[in-house]
C-alpha cells in the first residue's frame, strides 16, 4: 500500500509520477493534477490540457495569454493573423 501525498489515502493501486527528477505518489489523477498541473496566470484554473506558455508563464488558452498582453499565440487558424 502507498499513501497519496495530496489526500493521505492509503491505496493498493496508487501510482507514481516522476517529474523534474522528483517522484510523487498519488491515489488518483485528480490528486496528481491538483499537485502537479500548472495554474493559468490569467484565470487561475489548472492547465490540464496542452495550454500555452509564454515567457515562462502558463495559460490555459490563447485568450487568457492575450488578456495578459501576450502576442502571437492563437488557438485556431481562424484567429491567426493574415500572412
N, C-alpha and C. Protein backbone atom coordinates (compact mmCIF):
# COMPACT_ATOMS: atom_id res chain seq x y z
N UNK A 1 0.85 -1.19 0.00
CA UNK A 1 0.00 0.00 0.00
C UNK A 1 0.89 1.24 0.00
N UNK A 2 0.45 2.23 -0.74
CA UNK A 2 1.16 3.50 -0.78
C UNK A 2 0.19 4.59 -0.35
N UNK A 3 0.73 5.69 0.10
CA UNK A 3 -0.08 6.80 0.61
C UNK A 3 -0.01 7.97 -0.37
N UNK A 4 -1.18 8.49 -0.74
CA UNK A 4 -1.25 9.66 -1.62
C UNK A 4 -0.70 10.87 -0.90
N UNK A 5 0.20 11.59 -1.55
CA UNK A 5 0.81 12.75 -0.91
C UNK A 5 -0.11 13.97 -0.84
N UNK A 6 -1.24 13.92 -1.54
CA UNK A 6 -2.19 15.04 -1.51
C UNK A 6 -3.27 14.81 -0.44
N UNK A 7 -3.95 13.67 -0.53
CA UNK A 7 -5.09 13.44 0.36
C UNK A 7 -4.80 12.50 1.53
N UNK A 8 -3.66 11.81 1.46
CA UNK A 8 -3.30 10.92 2.55
C UNK A 8 -3.94 9.55 2.50
N UNK A 9 -4.72 9.26 1.47
CA UNK A 9 -5.37 7.97 1.34
C UNK A 9 -4.34 6.88 1.09
N UNK A 10 -4.47 5.77 1.82
CA UNK A 10 -3.64 4.60 1.56
C UNK A 10 -4.40 3.74 0.55
N UNK A 11 -3.72 3.38 -0.55
CA UNK A 11 -4.42 2.72 -1.65
C UNK A 11 -3.49 1.72 -2.31
N UNK A 12 -4.00 0.52 -2.54
CA UNK A 12 -3.17 -0.53 -3.14
C UNK A 12 -2.85 -0.27 -4.61
N UNK A 13 -3.64 0.58 -5.26
CA UNK A 13 -3.40 0.86 -6.68
C UNK A 13 -2.85 2.27 -6.90
N UNK A 14 -2.19 2.81 -5.88
CA UNK A 14 -1.56 4.13 -6.02
C UNK A 14 -0.51 4.05 -7.13
N UNK A 15 -0.18 5.19 -7.68
CA UNK A 15 0.80 5.24 -8.76
C UNK A 15 1.79 6.38 -8.50
N UNK A 16 2.90 6.31 -9.20
CA UNK A 16 3.92 7.34 -9.04
C UNK A 16 4.11 8.10 -10.34
N UNK A 17 4.42 9.38 -10.20
CA UNK A 17 4.73 10.23 -11.33
C UNK A 17 6.11 10.82 -11.05
N UNK A 18 7.00 10.73 -12.02
CA UNK A 18 8.33 11.32 -11.89
C UNK A 18 8.38 12.54 -12.78
N UNK A 19 8.65 13.70 -12.19
CA UNK A 19 8.76 14.93 -12.95
C UNK A 19 9.86 15.79 -12.36
N UNK A 20 10.68 16.35 -13.23
CA UNK A 20 11.80 17.20 -12.81
C UNK A 20 12.67 16.50 -11.77
N UNK A 21 12.81 15.18 -11.91
CA UNK A 21 13.67 14.42 -11.03
C UNK A 21 13.07 14.06 -9.68
N UNK A 22 11.84 14.46 -9.42
CA UNK A 22 11.17 14.15 -8.15
C UNK A 22 10.07 13.12 -8.38
N UNK A 23 9.93 12.18 -7.45
CA UNK A 23 8.90 11.16 -7.54
C UNK A 23 7.75 11.51 -6.61
N UNK A 24 6.53 11.46 -7.15
CA UNK A 24 5.33 11.78 -6.40
C UNK A 24 4.40 10.57 -6.42
N UNK A 25 3.68 10.33 -5.33
CA UNK A 25 2.76 9.21 -5.22
C UNK A 25 1.33 9.72 -5.04
N UNK A 26 0.41 9.18 -5.84
CA UNK A 26 -0.99 9.61 -5.82
C UNK A 26 -1.92 8.41 -5.85
N UNK A 27 -3.13 8.61 -5.37
CA UNK A 27 -4.13 7.55 -5.43
C UNK A 27 -5.11 7.75 -6.59
N UNK A 28 -5.08 8.93 -7.23
CA UNK A 28 -5.97 9.20 -8.36
C UNK A 28 -5.41 10.34 -9.20
N UNK A 29 -5.93 10.45 -10.41
CA UNK A 29 -5.48 11.52 -11.31
C UNK A 29 -5.88 12.90 -10.79
N UNK A 30 -6.98 12.98 -10.09
CA UNK A 30 -7.42 14.26 -9.54
C UNK A 30 -6.36 14.82 -8.58
N UNK A 31 -5.84 13.98 -7.70
CA UNK A 31 -4.80 14.44 -6.77
C UNK A 31 -3.52 14.79 -7.51
N UNK A 32 -3.17 14.00 -8.54
CA UNK A 32 -1.98 14.30 -9.33
C UNK A 32 -2.11 15.66 -10.01
N UNK A 33 -3.27 15.93 -10.60
CA UNK A 33 -3.50 17.22 -11.26
C UNK A 33 -3.46 18.36 -10.24
N UNK A 34 -4.05 18.13 -9.09
CA UNK A 34 -4.07 19.17 -8.04
C UNK A 34 -2.64 19.56 -7.65
N UNK A 35 -1.76 18.59 -7.55
CA UNK A 35 -0.39 18.84 -7.12
C UNK A 35 0.51 19.33 -8.25
N UNK A 36 0.37 18.77 -9.44
CA UNK A 36 1.37 18.98 -10.49
C UNK A 36 0.98 19.92 -11.62
N UNK A 37 -0.30 20.09 -11.88
CA UNK A 37 -0.70 20.90 -13.03
C UNK A 37 -0.38 22.38 -12.79
N UNK A 38 0.15 23.05 -13.81
CA UNK A 38 0.37 24.48 -13.66
C UNK A 38 -0.96 25.23 -13.57
N UNK A 39 -0.91 26.45 -13.09
CA UNK A 39 -2.11 27.29 -12.93
C UNK A 39 -2.05 28.41 -13.96
N UNK A 40 -3.16 28.66 -14.63
CA UNK A 40 -3.24 29.74 -15.61
C UNK A 40 -2.96 31.08 -14.92
N UNK A 41 -2.04 31.84 -15.48
CA UNK A 41 -1.66 33.14 -14.92
C UNK A 41 -2.79 34.16 -14.99
N UNK A 42 -3.76 33.93 -15.89
CA UNK A 42 -4.84 34.90 -16.05
C UNK A 42 -6.08 34.54 -15.23
N UNK A 43 -6.61 33.33 -15.44
CA UNK A 43 -7.89 32.99 -14.80
C UNK A 43 -7.75 32.11 -13.58
N UNK A 44 -6.57 31.53 -13.37
CA UNK A 44 -6.34 30.74 -12.17
C UNK A 44 -6.75 29.28 -12.25
N UNK A 45 -7.26 28.83 -13.40
CA UNK A 45 -7.66 27.41 -13.48
C UNK A 45 -6.43 26.53 -13.68
N UNK A 46 -6.57 25.25 -13.36
CA UNK A 46 -5.49 24.29 -13.58
C UNK A 46 -5.39 24.03 -15.08
N UNK A 47 -4.18 24.01 -15.60
CA UNK A 47 -3.96 23.74 -17.02
C UNK A 47 -3.81 22.23 -17.17
N UNK A 48 -4.89 21.57 -17.60
CA UNK A 48 -4.91 20.12 -17.72
C UNK A 48 -4.63 19.64 -19.14
N UNK A 49 -4.80 20.50 -20.10
CA UNK A 49 -4.50 20.14 -21.48
C UNK A 49 -3.14 20.69 -21.86
N UNK A 50 -2.96 20.95 -23.13
CA UNK A 50 -1.68 21.47 -23.59
C UNK A 50 -1.42 22.87 -23.08
N UNK A 51 -2.44 23.71 -23.05
CA UNK A 51 -2.25 25.09 -22.63
C UNK A 51 -1.23 25.78 -23.52
N UNK A 52 -0.80 26.94 -23.10
CA UNK A 52 0.25 27.67 -23.81
C UNK A 52 1.21 28.25 -22.79
N UNK A 53 2.44 28.44 -23.22
CA UNK A 53 3.46 29.02 -22.36
C UNK A 53 4.10 30.19 -23.10
N UNK A 54 4.30 31.27 -22.38
CA UNK A 54 4.95 32.44 -22.96
C UNK A 54 5.80 33.10 -21.88
N UNK A 55 7.07 33.27 -22.17
CA UNK A 55 8.00 33.93 -21.24
C UNK A 55 7.96 33.32 -19.84
N UNK A 56 7.84 32.00 -19.79
CA UNK A 56 7.85 31.31 -18.51
C UNK A 56 6.53 31.28 -17.77
N UNK A 57 5.49 31.87 -18.34
CA UNK A 57 4.16 31.85 -17.72
C UNK A 57 3.27 30.87 -18.47
N UNK A 58 2.37 30.21 -17.73
CA UNK A 58 1.45 29.25 -18.32
C UNK A 58 0.04 29.83 -18.38
N UNK A 59 -0.65 29.50 -19.47
CA UNK A 59 -2.03 29.93 -19.67
C UNK A 59 -2.84 28.74 -20.15
N UNK A 60 -4.12 28.71 -19.80
CA UNK A 60 -4.96 27.58 -20.22
C UNK A 60 -5.32 27.67 -21.69
N UNK A 61 -5.30 28.88 -22.26
CA UNK A 61 -5.68 29.06 -23.67
C UNK A 61 -5.08 30.35 -24.21
N UNK A 62 -5.19 30.51 -25.52
CA UNK A 62 -4.67 31.71 -26.17
C UNK A 62 -5.40 32.96 -25.68
N UNK A 63 -6.70 32.86 -25.43
CA UNK A 63 -7.47 34.01 -24.96
C UNK A 63 -6.88 34.57 -23.67
N UNK A 64 -6.58 33.68 -22.71
CA UNK A 64 -6.02 34.14 -21.43
C UNK A 64 -4.62 34.74 -21.63
N UNK A 65 -3.83 34.13 -22.50
CA UNK A 65 -2.50 34.68 -22.78
C UNK A 65 -2.61 36.07 -23.39
N UNK A 66 -3.52 36.23 -24.33
CA UNK A 66 -3.72 37.53 -24.96
C UNK A 66 -4.22 38.57 -23.96
N UNK A 67 -5.07 38.15 -23.02
CA UNK A 67 -5.59 39.07 -22.00
C UNK A 67 -4.48 39.58 -21.09
N UNK A 68 -3.38 38.83 -21.02
CA UNK A 68 -2.22 39.24 -20.21
C UNK A 68 -1.17 39.95 -21.06
N UNK A 69 -1.50 40.24 -22.32
CA UNK A 69 -0.60 41.01 -23.17
C UNK A 69 0.31 40.19 -24.07
N UNK A 70 0.17 38.87 -24.06
CA UNK A 70 0.99 38.02 -24.92
C UNK A 70 0.49 38.14 -26.35
N UNK A 71 1.37 38.31 -27.27
CA UNK A 71 1.01 38.43 -28.68
C UNK A 71 1.58 37.25 -29.45
N UNK A 72 0.92 36.88 -30.54
CA UNK A 72 1.42 35.84 -31.42
C UNK A 72 0.96 34.44 -31.08
N UNK A 73 0.12 34.28 -30.05
CA UNK A 73 -0.40 32.95 -29.72
C UNK A 73 -1.87 32.91 -30.11
N UNK A 74 -2.24 31.88 -30.86
CA UNK A 74 -3.62 31.70 -31.27
C UNK A 74 -4.05 30.27 -30.96
N UNK A 75 -5.35 30.05 -30.80
CA UNK A 75 -5.84 28.71 -30.50
C UNK A 75 -6.42 28.00 -31.71
N UNK A 76 -6.57 28.71 -32.81
CA UNK A 76 -7.02 28.07 -34.04
C UNK A 76 -6.70 28.96 -35.24
N UNK A 77 -6.72 28.37 -36.41
CA UNK A 77 -6.33 29.08 -37.62
C UNK A 77 -7.20 30.30 -37.91
N UNK A 78 -8.46 30.25 -37.48
CA UNK A 78 -9.37 31.37 -37.71
C UNK A 78 -8.89 32.64 -37.01
N UNK A 79 -8.17 32.49 -35.93
CA UNK A 79 -7.67 33.65 -35.18
C UNK A 79 -6.25 34.06 -35.55
N UNK A 80 -5.63 33.33 -36.45
CA UNK A 80 -4.24 33.63 -36.84
C UNK A 80 -4.20 34.92 -37.65
N UNK A 81 -3.15 35.72 -37.44
CA UNK A 81 -3.02 36.94 -38.24
C UNK A 81 -2.85 36.62 -39.72
N UNK A 82 -3.35 37.47 -40.57
CA UNK A 82 -3.22 37.27 -42.01
C UNK A 82 -1.75 37.33 -42.40
N UNK A 83 -1.36 36.42 -43.29
CA UNK A 83 0.05 36.43 -43.71
C UNK A 83 0.24 36.97 -45.08
